[in-house]
């Protein structure tokens, strides 16, 4: 009997060990199984920022490609795991973002949120995700807090060049190419707009701002008219106009400027506003000549530019979108953005190891030093434990109003240079 009891106890212990091992133990990582890894995000599929809706679709297309092809290890997906991509429409409303992010974490059991779009929406859930130790990675926002506040929020990190860096690029160009000209600044009245505005003014310097910025007008993201602001810009005699908003208010601002007879010597528009539908709307409402020569910034290969026709990565991008894109326009900056961001996640996931945990993923994204084939040559993903700004290099670009294709200007610069290194 004692032998029978002992054998039974051993069998129970063995079964318990087997079950625990199969389930990954009590510390099993949410969203990760032997065959899949579930990630998610929230995006404005509707609402004032709905022009960004193609981004998660592009990410889905790239993940579908990764799931179908065989990787370096001969397995489909990433180390044999299929990427399950869940995303929901928050309408660019932070209140919705909170509810839907809780759904992703508590019901869908995601491993991480990836590419969550918008400064205000992402900030609304940053505290929650960090309290749950859920990685909030590659946030689709250039707000500097997603790189600078890593000590307080170690589970959050951005991806794209931060808004201060982008704004500094414009400020440096303004001083070099339009010295002494009167400047009108139109910015989005939220954290996003104020941060990129800060970047512009920091590069100009306080004395230059005082002497040359003749109008500084905030606009709301939901505004249906910006006429009062643009009347002030016109009355101030602005010779150069800088528009720092997301697409819809940017279209409205530029169209209003044309309607009021403002003829700027130079027009700047930040990179988040130069998505293909917005460019078509700007040119359609103002005429090609009005937007011809418009300056912006970039860090990605442009699918509309013939410069990349023979590029291997661009050919792969077009093949992926043709097969998995679901009809989205491949000649759109934001589609390339989604694919490049998804590629960065795949790179990080490989780096996180054979049996990834949330901690190993964060270790991976904070120790990057690699190129991304969809970014401009020379730009690298580079982070460390004390540097959480993933992409810091940018380049100016100029729009051809006739075909709405940008051409690069000058060289790639680091938007977060060492002290004393401000130059184009």
Protein backbone atom coordinates (compact mmCIF):
# COMPACT_ATOMS: atom_id res chain seq x y z
CA UNK A 1 0.00 0.00 0.00
CA UNK A 2 2.84 2.37 0.94
CA UNK A 3 4.45 1.66 -2.46
CA UNK A 4 1.12 2.34 -4.20
CA UNK A 5 0.69 5.64 -2.35
CA UNK A 6 4.27 6.61 -3.15
CA UNK A 7 3.79 5.78 -6.81
CA UNK A 8 0.55 7.75 -6.86
CA UNK A 9 2.22 10.75 -5.27
CA UNK A 10 5.04 10.57 -7.77
CA UNK A 11 2.55 10.35 -10.63
CA UNK A 12 0.63 13.39 -9.35
CA UNK A 13 3.88 15.32 -8.98
CA UNK A 14 4.95 14.35 -12.48
CA UNK A 15 1.58 15.40 -13.91
CA UNK A 16 1.73 18.67 -12.03
CA UNK A 17 5.21 19.34 -13.42
CA UNK A 18 4.06 18.49 -16.93
CA UNK A 19 0.97 20.71 -16.76
CA UNK A 20 2.95 23.60 -15.25
CA UNK A 21 5.59 23.28 -17.94
CA UNK A 22 3.02 23.14 -20.73
CA UNK A 23 1.29 26.28 -19.49
CA UNK A 24 4.52 28.13 -18.86
CA UNK A 25 4.11 28.02 -15.08
CA UNK A 26 2.41 30.54 -12.87
CA UNK A 27 4.46 33.30 -14.51
CA UNK A 28 3.21 32.55 -18.05
CA UNK A 29 3.39 35.66 -20.24
CA UNK A 30 -0.04 36.94 -21.38
CA UNK A 31 -0.52 36.82 -25.13
CA UNK A 32 2.25 34.30 -25.75
CA UNK A 33 1.66 30.64 -26.57
CA UNK A 34 3.82 28.07 -28.32
CA UNK A 35 2.20 28.98 -31.63
CA UNK A 36 1.10 32.61 -31.41
CA UNK A 37 1.78 36.02 -29.96
CA UNK A 38 -1.10 38.49 -29.59
CA UNK A 39 -0.53 42.22 -29.75
CA UNK A 40 -2.89 45.16 -30.20
CA UNK A 41 -3.44 48.88 -30.43
CA UNK A 42 -5.97 51.68 -30.78
CA UNK A 43 -6.23 53.90 -33.85
CA UNK A 44 -8.52 56.64 -35.22
CA UNK A 45 -10.39 54.72 -37.88
CA UNK A 46 -13.05 57.43 -37.66
CA UNK A 47 -13.17 60.99 -36.33
CA UNK A 48 -10.93 64.03 -36.84
CA UNK A 49 -7.79 61.95 -37.42
CA UNK A 50 -9.37 59.25 -39.61
CA UNK A 51 -6.85 59.89 -42.40
CA UNK A 52 -4.50 57.75 -40.31
CA UNK A 53 -6.79 54.71 -40.59
CA UNK A 54 -4.54 52.96 -43.16
CA UNK A 55 -1.69 52.62 -40.64
CA UNK A 56 -3.02 49.59 -38.71
CA UNK A 57 -4.15 48.02 -41.99
CA UNK A 58 -0.59 48.35 -43.31
CA UNK A 59 0.71 46.81 -40.09
CA UNK A 60 -1.70 43.92 -40.53
CA UNK A 61 -0.47 43.40 -44.08
CA UNK A 62 3.13 43.20 -42.94
CA UNK A 63 2.32 40.81 -40.11
CA UNK A 64 0.41 38.64 -42.60
CA UNK A 65 3.53 38.53 -44.75
CA UNK A 66 5.68 37.59 -41.73
CA UNK A 67 3.21 34.87 -40.74
CA UNK A 68 3.29 33.35 -44.24
CA UNK A 69 6.99 33.48 -45.05
CA UNK A 70 9.72 31.35 -43.47
CA UNK A 71 12.11 33.29 -41.28
CA UNK A 72 15.87 32.85 -40.78
CA UNK A 73 15.16 29.85 -38.57
CA UNK A 74 13.07 28.18 -41.27
CA UNK A 75 9.85 28.72 -39.33
CA UNK A 76 6.86 30.82 -40.28
CA UNK A 77 6.05 33.85 -38.18
CA UNK A 78 8.62 34.80 -35.57
CA UNK A 79 10.36 31.72 -34.16
CA UNK A 80 7.36 29.64 -35.12
CA UNK A 81 4.78 31.97 -33.57
CA UNK A 82 2.07 33.61 -35.64
CA UNK A 83 1.50 37.30 -34.89
CA UNK A 84 -2.14 37.94 -33.98
CA UNK A 85 -2.91 41.65 -34.50
CA UNK A 86 -5.95 43.22 -32.83
CA UNK A 87 -6.81 46.89 -33.21
CA UNK A 88 -9.81 49.03 -32.33
CA UNK A 89 -11.20 52.41 -33.37
CA UNK A 90 -10.87 55.03 -30.63
CA UNK A 91 -11.90 57.92 -32.90
CA UNK A 92 -8.91 59.92 -31.58
CA UNK A 93 -10.86 60.30 -28.33
CA UNK A 94 -8.78 59.55 -25.20
CA UNK A 95 -11.87 58.41 -23.28
CA UNK A 96 -12.41 55.72 -25.90
CA UNK A 97 -8.72 54.85 -25.82
CA UNK A 98 -8.95 54.10 -22.10
CA UNK A 99 -11.88 51.71 -22.50
CA UNK A 100 -10.45 49.94 -25.54
CA UNK A 101 -6.97 49.59 -24.07
CA UNK A 102 -8.48 47.93 -21.01
CA UNK A 103 -10.27 45.58 -23.38
CA UNK A 104 -7.01 44.72 -25.11
CA UNK A 105 -5.24 44.02 -21.82
CA UNK A 106 -7.99 42.44 -19.71
CA UNK A 107 -10.05 40.60 -22.32
CA UNK A 108 -7.77 40.06 -25.31
CA UNK A 109 -4.75 39.45 -23.04
CA UNK A 110 -2.31 41.15 -25.39
CA UNK A 111 1.42 40.69 -24.95
CA UNK A 112 1.97 44.38 -25.71
CA UNK A 113 0.38 47.40 -27.35
CA UNK A 114 2.22 48.37 -30.52
CA UNK A 115 2.01 51.59 -32.53
CA UNK A 116 -0.89 53.08 -30.56
CA UNK A 117 -1.66 56.33 -32.36
CA UNK A 118 -1.93 59.84 -30.99
CA UNK A 119 -0.28 61.89 -28.25
CA UNK A 120 -3.35 62.51 -26.11
CA UNK A 121 -4.78 58.97 -26.54
CA UNK A 122 -1.45 57.33 -25.68
CA UNK A 123 -0.92 59.57 -22.67
CA UNK A 124 -4.40 58.70 -21.42
CA UNK A 125 -3.42 55.04 -20.97
CA UNK A 126 0.28 55.31 -20.18
CA UNK A 127 -0.21 55.18 -16.41
CA UNK A 128 -2.53 52.19 -16.66
CA UNK A 129 -0.26 50.17 -18.96
CA UNK A 130 2.80 50.85 -16.83
CA UNK A 131 0.96 49.90 -13.64
CA UNK A 132 0.15 46.55 -15.30
CA UNK A 133 3.68 46.22 -16.72
CA UNK A 134 2.31 45.93 -20.24
CA UNK A 135 4.75 47.18 -22.91
CA UNK A 136 3.42 50.28 -24.69
CA UNK A 137 5.93 50.28 -27.50
CA UNK A 138 6.55 52.29 -30.64
CA UNK A 139 3.78 54.77 -29.83
CA UNK A 140 2.75 56.54 -33.05
CA UNK A 141 3.48 59.97 -31.71
CA UNK A 142 6.58 62.12 -31.68
CA UNK A 143 5.85 63.56 -28.24
CA UNK A 144 9.20 63.73 -26.46
CA UNK A 145 7.74 62.43 -23.20
CA UNK A 146 7.59 58.95 -24.71
CA UNK A 147 11.38 59.01 -24.80
CA UNK A 148 12.32 61.34 -21.95
CA UNK A 149 10.14 60.03 -19.10
CA UNK A 150 11.37 56.44 -19.18
CA UNK A 151 12.36 56.40 -15.51
CA UNK A 152 8.79 57.05 -14.45
CA UNK A 153 7.22 55.02 -17.30
CA UNK A 154 9.70 52.21 -18.09
CA UNK A 155 7.16 50.19 -20.11
CA UNK A 156 6.54 52.98 -22.67
CA UNK A 157 8.65 54.01 -25.66
CA UNK A 158 8.02 55.93 -28.90
CA UNK A 159 9.39 55.25 -32.36
CA UNK A 160 9.32 58.13 -34.84
CA UNK A 161 11.45 61.29 -34.58
CA UNK A 162 10.16 63.41 -31.72
CA UNK A 163 8.29 66.63 -32.42
CA UNK A 164 10.91 68.87 -30.85
CA UNK A 165 13.53 67.42 -33.20
CA UNK A 166 11.26 67.96 -36.20
CA UNK A 167 10.42 71.48 -35.11
CA UNK A 168 14.10 72.30 -34.70
CA UNK A 169 14.71 71.19 -38.29
CA UNK A 170 12.16 73.76 -39.50
CA UNK A 171 13.56 76.47 -37.26
CA UNK A 172 17.09 75.96 -38.57
CA UNK A 173 15.84 76.03 -42.17
CA UNK A 174 13.81 79.20 -41.56
CA UNK A 175 16.85 81.08 -40.30
CA UNK A 176 19.09 79.81 -43.09
CA UNK A 177 16.76 80.16 -46.09
CA UNK A 178 14.43 83.00 -45.04
CA UNK A 179 16.53 85.26 -42.81
CA UNK A 180 14.66 88.23 -41.45
CA UNK A 181 11.32 87.23 -42.99
CA UNK A 182 8.09 87.68 -41.03
CA UNK A 183 6.84 84.32 -39.80
CA UNK A 184 3.30 83.19 -39.06
CA UNK A 185 3.06 80.06 -36.87
CA UNK A 186 -0.20 78.09 -36.78
CA UNK A 187 -0.17 75.23 -34.30
CA UNK A 188 -2.56 72.63 -32.94
CA UNK A 189 -3.82 73.67 -29.50
CA UNK A 190 -2.76 70.54 -27.59
CA UNK A 191 0.39 68.85 -26.32
CA UNK A 192 1.34 67.81 -29.85
CA UNK A 193 1.11 71.28 -31.36
CA UNK A 194 2.78 73.01 -28.43
CA UNK A 195 5.71 70.63 -28.48
CA UNK A 196 6.55 70.98 -32.16
CA UNK A 197 6.06 74.75 -31.80
CA UNK A 198 8.60 74.67 -28.98
CA UNK A 199 11.05 72.90 -31.28
CA UNK A 200 10.69 75.57 -33.98
CA UNK A 201 11.13 78.43 -31.53
CA UNK A 202 14.06 76.81 -29.71
CA UNK A 203 16.00 76.58 -33.00
CA UNK A 204 15.10 80.14 -33.93
CA UNK A 205 16.14 81.50 -30.54
CA UNK A 206 14.19 83.91 -28.35
CA UNK A 207 15.61 87.08 -29.96
CA UNK A 208 14.83 85.86 -33.48
CA UNK A 209 11.31 84.87 -32.42
CA UNK A 210 10.74 88.28 -30.88
CA UNK A 211 11.95 90.07 -33.99
CA UNK A 212 10.44 87.89 -36.72
CA UNK A 213 7.45 85.84 -35.50
CA UNK A 214 4.56 88.20 -36.16
CA UNK A 215 1.69 85.78 -35.54
CA UNK A 216 1.31 82.69 -33.39
CA UNK A 217 -2.16 81.21 -33.69
CA UNK A 218 -3.59 78.07 -32.02
CA UNK A 219 -6.25 75.98 -33.77
CA UNK A 220 -8.41 73.21 -32.37
CA UNK A 221 -8.20 69.75 -33.89
CA UNK A 222 -11.99 69.73 -34.39
CA UNK A 223 -12.21 73.29 -35.76
CA UNK A 224 -14.54 73.85 -38.69
CA UNK A 225 -13.13 77.31 -39.39
CA UNK A 226 -9.74 78.93 -38.87
CA UNK A 227 -10.67 82.20 -40.55
CA UNK A 228 -10.15 84.37 -37.42
CA UNK A 229 -6.64 83.01 -36.95
CA UNK A 230 -5.68 83.40 -40.60
CA UNK A 231 -7.04 86.95 -40.75
CA UNK A 232 -4.59 87.77 -37.94
CA UNK A 233 -1.78 86.07 -39.85
CA UNK A 234 -2.59 88.13 -42.94
CA UNK A 235 -2.91 91.39 -40.99
CA UNK A 236 0.48 90.77 -39.39
CA UNK A 237 2.06 90.59 -42.84
CA UNK A 238 3.50 87.09 -42.47
CA UNK A 239 5.79 86.22 -45.39
CA UNK A 240 6.42 82.63 -44.34
CA UNK A 241 3.69 80.35 -42.97
CA UNK A 242 4.39 77.30 -40.80
CA UNK A 243 1.48 74.90 -40.20
CA UNK A 244 1.90 72.50 -37.28
CA UNK A 245 -1.21 70.31 -37.11
CA UNK A 246 -2.59 66.92 -38.10
CA UNK A 247 -4.07 66.62 -41.62
CA UNK A 248 -7.62 67.96 -41.30
CA UNK A 249 -6.80 71.31 -39.66
CA UNK A 250 -3.75 71.61 -41.94
CA UNK A 251 -5.96 71.30 -45.03
CA UNK A 252 -8.37 73.84 -43.57
CA UNK A 253 -5.57 76.26 -42.66
CA UNK A 254 -3.89 76.19 -46.06
CA UNK A 255 -7.19 76.44 -47.94
CA UNK A 256 -8.21 79.41 -45.78
CA UNK A 257 -4.89 81.13 -46.40
CA UNK A 258 -5.44 80.85 -50.15
CA UNK A 259 -9.05 82.05 -49.86
CA UNK A 260 -7.91 85.13 -47.93
CA UNK A 261 -5.35 85.98 -50.58
CA UNK A 262 -2.30 85.15 -48.45
CA UNK A 263 0.61 84.42 -50.78
CA UNK A 264 3.52 83.23 -48.62
CA UNK A 265 7.06 83.18 -49.94
CA UNK A 266 7.44 79.80 -48.27
CA UNK A 267 5.04 77.27 -46.75
CA UNK A 268 6.01 74.65 -44.17
CA UNK A 269 3.80 71.76 -43.06
CA UNK A 270 4.81 69.15 -40.50
CA UNK A 271 5.29 65.55 -41.59
CA UNK A 272 2.18 64.09 -39.92
CA UNK A 273 0.03 66.27 -42.20
CA UNK A 274 1.56 65.31 -45.54
CA UNK A 275 -0.21 61.99 -46.01
CA UNK A 276 -1.44 61.37 -49.56
CA UNK A 277 -5.15 62.20 -49.05
CA UNK A 278 -4.23 65.47 -47.33
CA UNK A 279 -1.85 66.49 -50.11
CA UNK A 280 -4.52 65.80 -52.72
CA UNK A 281 -7.03 67.86 -50.74
CA UNK A 282 -4.61 70.76 -50.32
CA UNK A 283 -3.77 70.86 -54.02
CA UNK A 284 -7.41 70.38 -54.97
CA UNK A 285 -8.61 73.29 -52.85
CA UNK A 286 -5.77 75.73 -53.50
CA UNK A 287 -4.31 74.71 -56.86
CA UNK A 288 -1.00 72.99 -57.52
CA UNK A 289 0.93 76.25 -57.68
CA UNK A 290 -0.02 77.21 -54.12
CA UNK A 291 1.49 74.10 -52.53
CA UNK A 292 4.40 73.84 -54.96
CA UNK A 293 7.66 74.06 -53.00
CA UNK A 294 6.00 73.28 -49.65
CA UNK A 295 8.59 72.05 -47.16
CA UNK A 296 8.22 69.22 -44.70
CA UNK A 297 10.36 66.53 -43.06
CA UNK A 298 10.75 62.80 -43.53
CA UNK A 299 12.63 59.74 -42.34
CA UNK A 300 11.01 57.09 -44.57
CA UNK A 301 11.43 56.04 -48.17
CA UNK A 302 8.69 57.72 -50.19
CA UNK A 303 6.62 55.23 -52.23
CA UNK A 304 5.58 58.00 -54.63
CA UNK A 305 9.14 58.92 -55.56
CA UNK A 306 10.75 57.34 -58.65
CA UNK A 307 13.99 57.55 -56.67
CA UNK A 308 13.08 54.19 -55.10
CA UNK A 309 11.71 52.35 -58.14
CA UNK A 310 14.62 49.89 -58.22
CA UNK A 311 15.04 49.64 -54.47
CA UNK A 312 14.70 46.05 -53.17
CA UNK A 313 12.84 47.10 -50.02
CA UNK A 314 10.37 49.21 -52.03
CA UNK A 315 9.71 46.32 -54.38
CA UNK A 316 9.06 44.08 -51.37
CA UNK A 317 6.78 46.73 -49.88
CA UNK A 318 4.71 46.87 -53.06
CA UNK A 319 4.52 43.08 -53.29
CA UNK A 320 3.32 42.85 -49.69
CA UNK A 321 0.68 45.53 -50.15
CA UNK A 322 -0.54 43.95 -53.40
CA UNK A 323 -0.98 40.58 -51.70
CA UNK A 324 -2.06 41.51 -48.18
CA UNK A 325 -2.94 45.24 -48.22
CA UNK A 326 -6.68 44.87 -48.69
CA UNK A 327 -6.88 47.71 -51.18
CA UNK A 328 -5.09 50.47 -49.25
CA UNK A 329 -3.16 52.94 -51.36
CA UNK A 330 0.52 51.92 -51.40
CA UNK A 331 1.49 55.39 -52.61
CA UNK A 332 0.79 56.82 -49.19
CA UNK A 333 3.38 57.85 -46.63
CA UNK A 334 1.29 56.49 -43.77
CA UNK A 335 1.08 53.03 -45.36
CA UNK A 336 4.86 52.94 -45.54
CA UNK A 337 4.90 54.22 -41.97
CA UNK A 338 2.76 51.29 -40.80
CA UNK A 339 4.93 48.74 -42.58
CA UNK A 340 8.18 50.25 -41.27
CA UNK A 341 6.83 50.31 -37.71
CA UNK A 342 5.66 46.69 -38.01
CA UNK A 343 9.11 45.69 -39.29
CA UNK A 344 10.68 47.36 -36.25
CA UNK A 345 8.42 45.31 -33.98
CA UNK A 346 9.42 42.10 -35.74
CA UNK A 347 13.09 43.01 -35.31
CA UNK A 348 12.51 43.64 -31.60
CA UNK A 349 10.56 40.40 -31.18
CA UNK A 350 13.44 38.36 -32.58
CA UNK A 351 15.78 40.21 -30.25
CA UNK A 352 13.49 39.43 -27.29
CA UNK A 353 14.45 35.75 -27.51
CA UNK A 354 13.05 32.32 -28.17
CA UNK A 355 10.62 32.54 -25.26
CA UNK A 356 9.81 36.25 -25.08
CA UNK A 357 8.53 37.91 -21.95
CA UNK A 358 7.30 41.43 -21.52
CA UNK A 359 10.56 42.27 -19.76
CA UNK A 360 12.70 40.75 -22.53
CA UNK A 361 10.73 42.75 -25.11
CA UNK A 362 11.46 45.99 -23.24
CA UNK A 363 15.12 44.98 -22.97
CA UNK A 364 15.10 44.45 -26.72
CA UNK A 365 13.57 47.82 -27.62
CA UNK A 366 15.96 49.64 -25.30
CA UNK A 367 19.09 48.08 -26.81
CA UNK A 368 18.50 48.57 -30.52
CA UNK A 369 21.24 49.37 -33.02
CA UNK A 370 20.11 48.37 -36.48
CA UNK A 371 18.86 49.72 -39.80
CA UNK A 372 15.31 49.31 -41.03
CA UNK A 373 15.07 48.66 -44.77
CA UNK A 374 12.04 50.94 -45.12
CA UNK A 375 13.77 53.98 -43.60
CA UNK A 376 16.05 56.34 -45.51
CA UNK A 377 19.54 54.89 -45.95
CA UNK A 378 21.76 55.99 -43.09
CA UNK A 379 18.98 56.17 -40.52
CA UNK A 380 19.21 53.60 -37.72
CA UNK A 381 17.06 52.41 -34.86
CA UNK A 382 19.30 53.13 -31.91
CA UNK A 383 18.48 53.04 -28.20
CA UNK A 384 20.11 52.32 -24.86
CA UNK A 385 19.05 52.05 -21.24
CA UNK A 386 19.41 55.83 -20.96
CA UNK A 387 18.35 56.82 -24.50
CA UNK A 388 14.78 55.88 -25.41
CA UNK A 389 14.52 57.92 -28.61
CA UNK A 390 14.38 55.20 -31.28
CA UNK A 391 14.67 57.34 -34.43
CA UNK A 392 16.25 60.78 -34.20
CA UNK A 393 17.41 61.46 -37.78
CA UNK A 394 15.34 63.48 -40.24
CA UNK A 395 15.66 65.14 -43.64
CA UNK A 396 13.94 68.11 -45.24
CA UNK A 397 11.86 67.52 -48.36
CA UNK A 398 10.22 69.81 -50.93
CA UNK A 399 6.91 69.18 -52.69
CA UNK A 400 6.33 69.27 -56.43
CA UNK A 401 2.82 70.69 -56.64
CA UNK A 402 2.07 69.08 -60.01
CA UNK A 403 2.66 65.43 -59.14
CA UNK A 404 2.59 65.80 -55.32
CA UNK A 405 5.94 64.04 -54.99
CA UNK A 406 8.54 65.21 -52.48
CA UNK A 407 12.26 65.51 -53.21
CA UNK A 408 14.90 65.55 -50.47
CA UNK A 409 16.78 68.72 -49.59
CA UNK A 410 20.18 68.74 -47.99
CA UNK A 411 21.43 65.93 -45.83
CA UNK A 412 20.04 63.79 -43.06
CA UNK A 413 20.60 65.45 -39.71
CA UNK A 414 20.26 64.27 -36.14
CA UNK A 415 17.36 66.07 -34.54
CA UNK A 416 18.86 65.57 -31.09
CA UNK A 417 22.48 66.60 -31.71
CA UNK A 418 25.27 67.12 -29.26
CA UNK A 419 25.63 70.60 -27.83
CA UNK A 420 26.85 73.11 -30.39
CA UNK A 421 26.00 70.89 -33.36
CA UNK A 422 23.05 72.87 -34.71
CA UNK A 423 23.44 72.96 -38.48
CA UNK A 424 21.81 71.70 -41.66
